[in-house]
Amino acid sequence: MKEFLKKSLILTILILFAAYYIPAIWNKNVWENSFVLQIFGVSLLICFIQLFLNRWKTNWYLLELLAEYTMVVIVVMLTGLLFRWFPIKELWIVFVYVTPVYIVGYFLGLARVKKEIDEINEEIRARKAKRTVNQMVEEEVK
């Protein structure tokens, strides 16, 4: 649960960053305080759906990524229409919001996985070194 909350808060921060800077650059819009709560709710909803999507595993990783991306786009599209973040004629803007957040989140995930792999490799090296030292000691004792 701790990891889930951490991921949802990171997702919320990424979304807020994109949701603030894209409109600010595009047409100098600023948003209200209720918008922050709406974004937090959407990010929690996305994280809950991802919990179920992560149980679905295939041999095609790109298919899993596409399914997750499609789910995020649909959720943002529906909640965006519900909260009137954009008019129905401008649904293309969803891709402008979702894609940068998704790409940044994906690369952050890759960096985390690389760090974990490096830690595991270091632990394996340490165990091999310890085993080698133990074998040398055993040979000297004989």
Protein backbone atom coordinates (compact mmCIF):
# COMPACT_ATOMS: atom_id res chain seq x y z
CA MET A 1 0.00 0.00 0.00
CA LYS A 2 2.90 2.32 0.79
CA GLU A 3 4.34 1.73 -2.70
CA PHE A 4 0.91 2.33 -4.25
CA LEU A 5 0.53 5.70 -2.51
CA LYS A 6 4.06 6.67 -3.46
CA LYS A 7 3.40 5.88 -7.13
CA SER A 8 0.08 7.72 -7.15
CA LEU A 9 1.63 10.82 -5.57
CA ILE A 10 4.47 10.80 -8.09
CA LEU A 11 1.93 10.42 -10.88
CA THR A 12 -0.08 13.32 -9.45
CA ILE A 13 2.99 15.55 -9.37
CA LEU A 14 3.84 14.70 -12.98
CA ILE A 15 0.27 15.37 -14.08
CA LEU A 16 0.09 18.66 -12.23
CA PHE A 17 3.38 19.75 -13.74
CA ALA A 18 2.15 18.98 -17.27
CA ALA A 19 -1.34 20.32 -16.62
CA TYR A 20 0.05 23.62 -15.38
CA TYR A 21 2.84 24.28 -17.84
CA ILE A 22 1.20 23.14 -21.08
CA PRO A 23 -1.78 25.56 -20.78
CA ALA A 24 0.48 28.29 -19.37
CA ILE A 25 2.73 28.06 -22.42
CA TRP A 26 -0.12 27.42 -24.87
CA ASN A 27 -2.55 30.19 -23.99
CA LYS A 28 -1.57 31.66 -20.62
CA ASN A 29 -4.28 29.84 -18.62
CA VAL A 30 -4.07 29.19 -14.90
CA TRP A 31 -6.18 26.73 -12.96
CA GLU A 32 -8.27 26.76 -9.79
CA ASN A 33 -7.63 24.99 -6.48
CA SER A 34 -10.38 22.42 -7.12
CA PHE A 35 -8.41 21.36 -10.17
CA VAL A 36 -5.66 19.97 -7.93
CA LEU A 37 -8.19 17.72 -6.16
CA GLN A 38 -9.62 16.61 -9.50
CA ILE A 39 -6.13 15.71 -10.75
CA PHE A 40 -5.38 13.81 -7.54
CA GLY A 41 -8.63 11.86 -7.92
CA VAL A 42 -7.86 11.02 -11.54
CA SER A 43 -4.34 9.86 -10.69
CA LEU A 44 -5.71 7.63 -7.90
CA LEU A 45 -8.26 6.18 -10.33
CA ILE A 46 -5.51 5.52 -12.88
CA CYS A 47 -3.35 3.83 -10.23
CA PHE A 48 -6.25 1.61 -9.12
CA ILE A 49 -6.93 0.55 -12.70
CA GLN A 50 -3.20 -0.09 -13.18
CA LEU A 51 -3.27 -2.47 -10.21
CA PHE A 52 -5.67 -4.64 -12.18
CA LEU A 53 -3.90 -4.14 -15.52
CA ASN A 54 -0.58 -5.21 -13.99
CA ARG A 55 -2.07 -8.64 -13.29
CA TRP A 56 -2.57 -9.10 -17.02
CA LYS A 57 0.73 -10.33 -18.42
CA THR A 58 1.52 -11.31 -21.99
CA ASN A 59 4.66 -12.15 -23.92
CA TRP A 60 4.32 -8.83 -25.75
CA TYR A 61 5.51 -6.00 -23.53
CA LEU A 62 4.60 -3.37 -26.14
CA LEU A 63 1.01 -4.64 -26.12
CA GLU A 64 0.90 -4.19 -22.34
CA LEU A 65 2.27 -0.64 -22.68
CA LEU A 66 -0.26 0.16 -25.39
CA ALA A 67 -3.12 -1.17 -23.22
CA GLU A 68 -1.95 0.93 -20.27
CA TYR A 69 -1.52 4.05 -22.42
CA THR A 70 -4.96 3.56 -23.96
CA MET A 71 -6.52 3.16 -20.50
CA VAL A 72 -4.86 6.37 -19.31
CA VAL A 73 -6.04 8.27 -22.38
CA ILE A 74 -9.61 7.02 -21.96
CA VAL A 75 -9.69 7.85 -18.23
CA VAL A 76 -8.29 11.34 -18.82
CA MET A 77 -10.67 11.86 -21.73
CA LEU A 78 -13.75 10.84 -19.72
CA THR A 79 -12.81 12.72 -16.57
CA GLY A 80 -11.75 15.72 -18.64
CA LEU A 81 -15.19 15.85 -20.20
CA LEU A 82 -16.82 15.28 -16.80
CA PHE A 83 -14.88 18.11 -15.15
CA ARG A 84 -15.01 20.30 -18.27
CA TRP A 85 -11.25 20.59 -18.61
CA PHE A 86 -11.65 20.98 -22.37
CA PRO A 87 -14.48 21.15 -24.91
CA ILE A 88 -15.55 17.96 -26.68
CA LYS A 89 -14.28 19.34 -29.99
CA GLU A 90 -10.74 19.49 -28.60
CA LEU A 91 -10.29 15.90 -27.43
CA TRP A 92 -6.92 15.81 -29.21
CA ILE A 93 -5.54 17.88 -26.32
CA VAL A 94 -5.74 14.73 -24.16
CA PHE A 95 -2.80 13.30 -26.10
CA VAL A 96 -0.84 16.51 -25.48
CA TYR A 97 -1.42 16.10 -21.74
CA VAL A 98 -1.04 12.34 -21.41
CA THR A 99 1.90 11.61 -23.68
CA PRO A 100 4.57 13.73 -21.92
CA VAL A 101 3.49 12.49 -18.48
CA TYR A 102 3.47 8.90 -19.69
CA ILE A 103 6.90 9.22 -21.32
CA VAL A 104 8.47 10.83 -18.23
CA GLY A 105 6.87 8.20 -15.98
CA TYR A 106 8.12 5.42 -18.23
CA PHE A 107 11.70 6.70 -18.15
CA LEU A 108 11.56 7.19 -14.37
CA GLY A 109 10.44 3.57 -14.11
CA LEU A 110 13.32 2.46 -16.33
CA ALA A 111 15.79 4.38 -14.18
CA ARG A 112 14.40 2.72 -11.05
CA VAL A 113 14.65 -0.74 -12.60
CA LYS A 114 18.23 -0.07 -13.72
CA LYS A 115 19.14 1.01 -10.19
CA GLU A 116 17.62 -2.17 -8.76
CA ILE A 117 19.48 -4.30 -11.32
CA ASP A 118 22.77 -2.60 -10.44
CA GLU A 119 22.15 -3.23 -6.73
CA ILE A 120 21.40 -6.91 -7.37
CA ASN A 121 24.51 -7.27 -9.54
CA GLU A 122 26.63 -5.67 -6.82
CA GLU A 123 25.20 -8.09 -4.25
CA ILE A 124 26.02 -11.02 -6.54
CA ARG A 125 29.60 -9.76 -6.97
CA ALA A 126 29.97 -9.42 -3.20
CA ARG A 127 28.71 -12.98 -2.65
CA LYS A 128 31.08 -14.35 -5.30
CA ALA A 129 34.01 -12.52 -3.71
CA LYS A 130 33.07 -13.85 -0.28
CA ARG A 131 32.72 -17.39 -1.66
CA THR A 132 36.14 -17.12 -3.33
CA VAL A 133 37.75 -15.98 -0.08
CA ASN A 134 36.08 -18.86 1.80
CA GLN A 135 37.34 -21.38 -0.78
CA MET A 136 40.90 -20.02 -0.47
CA VAL A 137 40.74 -20.34 3.33
CA GLU A 138 39.45 -23.90 3.06
CA GLU A 139 42.28 -24.83 0.66
CA GLU A 140 44.88 -23.40 3.04
CA VAL A 141 43.40 -25.35 5.95
CA LYS A 142 43.69 -28.61 3.99
